[in-house]
């Protein structure tokens, strides 16, 4: 079992919901949180940009990240979307087990 948290950004709540629905319906995530109201400052095309974005957090498994990345790339409006993950190394064991059961071919 290798649970991870996937972190993504979207340009709107509507875009975030499309991403969340895709990940849940394909069982690439057990749960997706959508957090509105983030301000991002970043370099793009040699300029510093500022934009309002939405954070998308997905609880999944490390082995599903390649499929998750590909699916998000297919539905995302950005040319170069932020899709990264970090391991969940500790936590409430029943919750971590639930992530595994509810994703991909995790044992039910």
N, C-alpha and C. Protein backbone atom coordinates (compact mmCIF):
# COMPACT_ATOMS: atom_id res chain seq x y z
N UNK A 1 0.85 -1.17 0.00
CA UNK A 1 0.00 0.00 0.00
C UNK A 1 0.90 1.24 0.00
N UNK A 2 0.66 2.13 -0.96
CA UNK A 2 1.43 3.35 -1.07
C UNK A 2 0.51 4.54 -1.29
N UNK A 3 -0.23 4.98 -0.27
CA UNK A 3 -1.12 6.12 -0.47
C UNK A 3 -0.33 7.41 -0.68
N UNK A 4 -0.86 8.25 -1.57
CA UNK A 4 -0.25 9.55 -1.85
C UNK A 4 -1.34 10.60 -1.92
N UNK A 5 -0.91 11.86 -1.78
CA UNK A 5 -1.78 13.00 -1.99
C UNK A 5 -1.34 13.64 -3.31
N UNK A 6 -2.26 13.74 -4.26
CA UNK A 6 -1.97 14.42 -5.51
C UNK A 6 -2.45 15.86 -5.40
N UNK A 7 -1.59 16.77 -5.79
CA UNK A 7 -1.89 18.21 -5.74
C UNK A 7 -1.96 18.72 -7.17
N UNK A 8 -3.05 19.41 -7.48
CA UNK A 8 -3.25 19.98 -8.81
C UNK A 8 -3.84 21.36 -8.65
N UNK A 9 -3.76 22.16 -9.70
CA UNK A 9 -4.43 23.45 -9.72
C UNK A 9 -5.31 23.51 -10.97
N UNK A 10 -6.35 24.33 -10.89
CA UNK A 10 -7.27 24.53 -12.01
C UNK A 10 -7.62 26.01 -12.07
N UNK A 11 -8.05 26.45 -13.24
CA UNK A 11 -8.37 27.85 -13.44
C UNK A 11 -9.74 28.27 -12.96
N UNK A 12 -10.60 27.29 -12.64
CA UNK A 12 -11.96 27.61 -12.20
C UNK A 12 -12.51 26.44 -11.39
N UNK A 13 -13.56 26.72 -10.64
CA UNK A 13 -14.25 25.66 -9.89
C UNK A 13 -14.84 24.65 -10.86
N UNK A 14 -15.37 25.13 -11.96
CA UNK A 14 -15.96 24.21 -12.95
C UNK A 14 -14.91 23.24 -13.48
N UNK A 15 -13.70 23.76 -13.81
CA UNK A 15 -12.62 22.89 -14.29
C UNK A 15 -12.21 21.91 -13.20
N UNK A 16 -12.14 22.37 -11.97
CA UNK A 16 -11.79 21.49 -10.84
C UNK A 16 -12.82 20.38 -10.68
N UNK A 17 -14.09 20.69 -10.85
CA UNK A 17 -15.14 19.67 -10.73
C UNK A 17 -15.04 18.63 -11.84
N UNK A 18 -14.69 19.06 -13.05
CA UNK A 18 -14.50 18.11 -14.16
C UNK A 18 -13.37 17.15 -13.81
N UNK A 19 -12.27 17.70 -13.32
CA UNK A 19 -11.13 16.86 -12.93
C UNK A 19 -11.53 15.89 -11.82
N UNK A 20 -12.19 16.41 -10.80
CA UNK A 20 -12.60 15.57 -9.66
C UNK A 20 -13.53 14.45 -10.12
N UNK A 21 -14.51 14.77 -10.93
CA UNK A 21 -15.46 13.76 -11.42
C UNK A 21 -14.75 12.67 -12.22
N UNK A 22 -13.83 13.07 -13.07
CA UNK A 22 -13.06 12.09 -13.85
C UNK A 22 -12.29 11.15 -12.94
N UNK A 23 -11.60 11.71 -11.97
CA UNK A 23 -10.77 10.88 -11.09
C UNK A 23 -11.61 9.94 -10.24
N UNK A 24 -12.73 10.43 -9.74
CA UNK A 24 -13.61 9.58 -8.92
C UNK A 24 -14.27 8.51 -9.78
N UNK A 25 -14.82 8.89 -10.93
CA UNK A 25 -15.54 7.91 -11.75
C UNK A 25 -14.62 6.83 -12.31
N UNK A 26 -13.35 7.17 -12.53
CA UNK A 26 -12.37 6.18 -13.02
C UNK A 26 -11.68 5.43 -11.88
N UNK A 27 -12.06 5.72 -10.64
CA UNK A 27 -11.44 5.15 -9.44
C UNK A 27 -9.94 5.40 -9.37
N UNK A 28 -9.53 6.56 -9.91
CA UNK A 28 -8.14 6.96 -9.80
C UNK A 28 -7.90 7.74 -8.51
N UNK A 29 -8.96 8.06 -7.80
CA UNK A 29 -8.87 8.71 -6.49
C UNK A 29 -10.03 8.23 -5.63
N UNK A 30 -9.76 8.11 -4.33
CA UNK A 30 -10.82 7.73 -3.39
C UNK A 30 -11.63 8.95 -2.98
N UNK A 31 -10.98 10.11 -2.98
CA UNK A 31 -11.62 11.35 -2.56
C UNK A 31 -10.88 12.50 -3.22
N UNK A 32 -11.62 13.54 -3.61
CA UNK A 32 -11.02 14.74 -4.17
C UNK A 32 -11.58 15.95 -3.43
N UNK A 33 -10.71 16.82 -2.98
CA UNK A 33 -11.10 18.08 -2.34
C UNK A 33 -10.85 19.23 -3.30
N UNK A 34 -11.79 20.16 -3.35
CA UNK A 34 -11.68 21.35 -4.19
C UNK A 34 -11.64 22.55 -3.25
N UNK A 35 -10.55 23.31 -3.31
CA UNK A 35 -10.35 24.46 -2.44
C UNK A 35 -10.28 25.72 -3.30
N UNK A 36 -11.28 26.56 -3.15
CA UNK A 36 -11.35 27.80 -3.94
C UNK A 36 -10.51 28.91 -3.32
N UNK A 37 -10.27 29.95 -4.15
CA UNK A 37 -9.72 31.19 -3.64
C UNK A 37 -8.22 31.26 -3.48
N UNK A 38 -7.46 30.51 -4.25
CA UNK A 38 -6.01 30.57 -4.16
C UNK A 38 -5.48 31.59 -5.17
N UNK A 39 -4.52 32.39 -4.75
CA UNK A 39 -3.84 33.29 -5.66
C UNK A 39 -2.47 32.71 -5.97
N UNK A 40 -2.16 32.57 -7.24
CA UNK A 40 -0.87 32.03 -7.67
C UNK A 40 -0.06 33.12 -8.36
N UNK A 41 1.21 33.18 -8.06
CA UNK A 41 2.17 34.01 -8.79
C UNK A 41 3.20 33.04 -9.36
N UNK A 42 3.53 33.19 -10.64
CA UNK A 42 4.39 32.21 -11.30
C UNK A 42 5.02 32.80 -12.56
N UNK A 43 6.11 32.18 -12.98
CA UNK A 43 6.74 32.54 -14.24
C UNK A 43 6.05 31.81 -15.38
N UNK A 44 5.74 32.55 -16.46
CA UNK A 44 5.19 31.93 -17.68
C UNK A 44 5.58 32.80 -18.86
N UNK A 45 6.22 32.21 -19.85
CA UNK A 45 6.67 32.93 -21.05
C UNK A 45 7.49 34.17 -20.68
N UNK A 46 8.45 33.98 -19.77
CA UNK A 46 9.38 35.04 -19.38
C UNK A 46 8.74 36.20 -18.62
N UNK A 47 7.52 36.02 -18.14
CA UNK A 47 6.84 37.06 -17.37
C UNK A 47 6.33 36.49 -16.06
N UNK A 48 6.27 37.33 -15.04
CA UNK A 48 5.64 36.93 -13.79
C UNK A 48 4.14 37.18 -13.94
N UNK A 49 3.38 36.13 -13.74
CA UNK A 49 1.92 36.19 -13.88
C UNK A 49 1.28 36.05 -12.51
N UNK A 50 0.07 36.52 -12.40
CA UNK A 50 -0.73 36.33 -11.19
C UNK A 50 -2.12 35.90 -11.63
N UNK A 51 -2.67 34.88 -10.96
CA UNK A 51 -3.99 34.38 -11.33
C UNK A 51 -4.70 33.81 -10.11
N UNK A 52 -6.01 33.86 -10.15
CA UNK A 52 -6.84 33.16 -9.17
C UNK A 52 -6.98 31.73 -9.66
N UNK A 53 -6.70 30.78 -8.79
CA UNK A 53 -6.80 29.38 -9.14
C UNK A 53 -7.57 28.62 -8.07
N UNK A 54 -7.79 27.36 -8.35
CA UNK A 54 -8.47 26.45 -7.44
C UNK A 54 -7.53 25.28 -7.19
N UNK A 55 -7.38 24.91 -5.93
CA UNK A 55 -6.56 23.76 -5.56
C UNK A 55 -7.41 22.50 -5.64
N UNK A 56 -6.84 21.45 -6.21
CA UNK A 56 -7.50 20.14 -6.29
C UNK A 56 -6.57 19.14 -5.59
N UNK A 57 -7.07 18.51 -4.55
CA UNK A 57 -6.30 17.51 -3.80
C UNK A 57 -6.98 16.16 -3.94
N UNK A 58 -6.23 15.16 -4.36
CA UNK A 58 -6.80 13.83 -4.56
C UNK A 58 -6.03 12.81 -3.73
N UNK A 59 -6.79 11.96 -3.02
CA UNK A 59 -6.18 10.87 -2.26
C UNK A 59 -6.19 9.64 -3.16
N UNK A 60 -4.99 9.08 -3.40
CA UNK A 60 -4.86 7.96 -4.32
C UNK A 60 -3.69 7.09 -3.89
N UNK A 61 -3.23 6.22 -4.81
CA UNK A 61 -2.08 5.35 -4.56
C UNK A 61 -0.96 5.71 -5.54
N UNK A 62 0.27 5.56 -5.11
CA UNK A 62 1.43 5.91 -5.94
C UNK A 62 1.38 5.21 -7.29
N UNK A 63 0.98 3.96 -7.31
CA UNK A 63 0.99 3.19 -8.56
C UNK A 63 -0.07 3.69 -9.55
N UNK A 64 -1.03 4.48 -9.09
CA UNK A 64 -2.05 5.04 -9.98
C UNK A 64 -1.68 6.42 -10.52
N UNK A 65 -0.58 7.00 -10.04
CA UNK A 65 -0.22 8.35 -10.48
C UNK A 65 -0.01 8.47 -11.98
N UNK A 66 0.65 7.54 -12.66
CA UNK A 66 0.78 7.70 -14.12
C UNK A 66 -0.58 7.79 -14.83
N UNK A 67 -1.52 6.96 -14.43
CA UNK A 67 -2.86 7.00 -15.04
C UNK A 67 -3.60 8.28 -14.64
N UNK A 68 -3.44 8.70 -13.39
CA UNK A 68 -4.07 9.93 -12.93
C UNK A 68 -3.53 11.13 -13.72
N UNK A 69 -2.23 11.20 -13.88
CA UNK A 69 -1.62 12.30 -14.63
C UNK A 69 -2.15 12.32 -16.06
N UNK A 70 -2.18 11.18 -16.70
CA UNK A 70 -2.66 11.12 -18.08
C UNK A 70 -4.13 11.55 -18.18
N UNK A 71 -4.95 11.09 -17.28
CA UNK A 71 -6.38 11.44 -17.33
C UNK A 71 -6.57 12.94 -17.09
N UNK A 72 -5.86 13.51 -16.12
CA UNK A 72 -5.98 14.94 -15.86
C UNK A 72 -5.50 15.73 -17.08
N UNK A 73 -4.41 15.32 -17.69
CA UNK A 73 -3.91 16.02 -18.88
C UNK A 73 -4.95 16.02 -20.00
N UNK A 74 -5.72 14.94 -20.11
CA UNK A 74 -6.74 14.84 -21.16
C UNK A 74 -7.88 15.82 -20.97
N UNK A 75 -8.23 16.14 -19.73
CA UNK A 75 -9.39 16.99 -19.47
C UNK A 75 -9.03 18.40 -19.01
N UNK A 76 -7.76 18.65 -18.75
CA UNK A 76 -7.34 19.94 -18.20
C UNK A 76 -7.23 20.99 -19.29
N UNK A 77 -7.59 22.22 -18.96
CA UNK A 77 -7.54 23.33 -19.92
C UNK A 77 -6.13 23.92 -20.05
N UNK A 78 -5.27 23.71 -19.06
CA UNK A 78 -3.94 24.30 -19.09
C UNK A 78 -3.03 23.56 -20.06
N UNK A 79 -2.10 24.31 -20.65
CA UNK A 79 -1.08 23.73 -21.52
C UNK A 79 -0.11 22.87 -20.71
N UNK A 80 0.21 23.32 -19.50
CA UNK A 80 1.16 22.63 -18.64
C UNK A 80 0.61 22.59 -17.22
N UNK A 81 -0.35 21.69 -16.95
CA UNK A 81 -0.98 21.68 -15.62
C UNK A 81 -0.03 21.20 -14.52
N UNK A 82 -0.22 21.75 -13.34
CA UNK A 82 0.48 21.29 -12.15
C UNK A 82 -0.18 20.00 -11.69
N UNK A 83 0.57 18.91 -11.69
CA UNK A 83 0.10 17.62 -11.17
C UNK A 83 1.29 16.98 -10.47
N UNK A 84 1.30 17.03 -9.15
CA UNK A 84 2.40 16.46 -8.38
C UNK A 84 1.82 15.65 -7.22
N UNK A 85 2.67 14.87 -6.58
CA UNK A 85 2.19 14.10 -5.43
C UNK A 85 3.27 14.01 -4.37
N UNK A 86 2.81 13.69 -3.17
CA UNK A 86 3.74 13.38 -2.09
C UNK A 86 3.18 12.20 -1.32
N UNK A 87 4.08 11.39 -0.76
CA UNK A 87 3.63 10.19 -0.04
C UNK A 87 2.95 10.53 1.27
N UNK A 88 1.96 9.74 1.61
CA UNK A 88 1.31 9.82 2.92
C UNK A 88 1.97 8.75 3.79
N UNK A 89 2.97 9.16 4.52
CA UNK A 89 3.80 8.20 5.25
C UNK A 89 3.25 7.80 6.60
N UNK A 90 2.29 8.58 7.09
CA UNK A 90 1.73 8.27 8.39
C UNK A 90 0.31 8.83 8.43
N UNK A 91 -0.50 8.27 9.29
CA UNK A 91 -1.85 8.77 9.42
C UNK A 91 -2.77 7.73 10.04
N UNK A 92 -4.04 8.05 10.07
CA UNK A 92 -5.06 7.17 10.62
C UNK A 92 -5.17 5.94 9.71
N UNK A 93 -4.71 4.81 10.19
CA UNK A 93 -4.61 3.59 9.38
C UNK A 93 -5.92 3.21 8.69
N UNK A 94 -7.08 3.25 9.35
CA UNK A 94 -8.33 2.92 8.66
C UNK A 94 -8.59 3.84 7.45
N UNK A 95 -8.22 5.12 7.55
CA UNK A 95 -8.40 6.04 6.43
C UNK A 95 -7.45 5.69 5.28
N UNK A 96 -6.20 5.41 5.60
CA UNK A 96 -5.24 5.03 4.56
C UNK A 96 -5.66 3.73 3.89
N UNK A 97 -6.17 2.77 4.66
CA UNK A 97 -6.68 1.52 4.08
C UNK A 97 -7.87 1.78 3.17
N UNK A 98 -8.72 2.72 3.55
CA UNK A 98 -9.89 3.08 2.73
C UNK A 98 -9.45 3.62 1.38
N UNK A 99 -8.41 4.46 1.34
CA UNK A 99 -7.89 4.97 0.06
C UNK A 99 -7.53 3.82 -0.85
N UNK A 100 -6.83 2.84 -0.32
CA UNK A 100 -6.42 1.69 -1.12
C UNK A 100 -7.63 0.91 -1.62
N UNK A 101 -8.61 0.66 -0.75
CA UNK A 101 -9.79 -0.11 -1.15
C UNK A 101 -10.61 0.58 -2.23
N UNK A 102 -10.67 1.90 -2.19
CA UNK A 102 -11.57 2.63 -3.10
C UNK A 102 -10.91 3.10 -4.39
N UNK A 103 -9.68 2.73 -4.62
CA UNK A 103 -9.00 3.14 -5.86
C UNK A 103 -8.60 1.95 -6.69
N UNK A 104 -8.65 2.17 -8.00
CA UNK A 104 -8.17 1.17 -8.95
C UNK A 104 -8.65 -0.22 -8.63
N UNK A 105 -7.72 -1.14 -8.64
CA UNK A 105 -8.06 -2.53 -8.33
C UNK A 105 -7.67 -2.88 -6.91
N UNK A 106 -7.75 -1.87 -6.03
CA UNK A 106 -7.49 -2.11 -4.61
C UNK A 106 -8.45 -3.17 -4.10
N UNK A 107 -7.98 -3.99 -3.18
CA UNK A 107 -8.84 -5.07 -2.67
C UNK A 107 -9.99 -4.50 -1.87
N UNK A 108 -11.19 -4.91 -2.21
CA UNK A 108 -12.41 -4.44 -1.52
C UNK A 108 -12.69 -5.29 -0.30
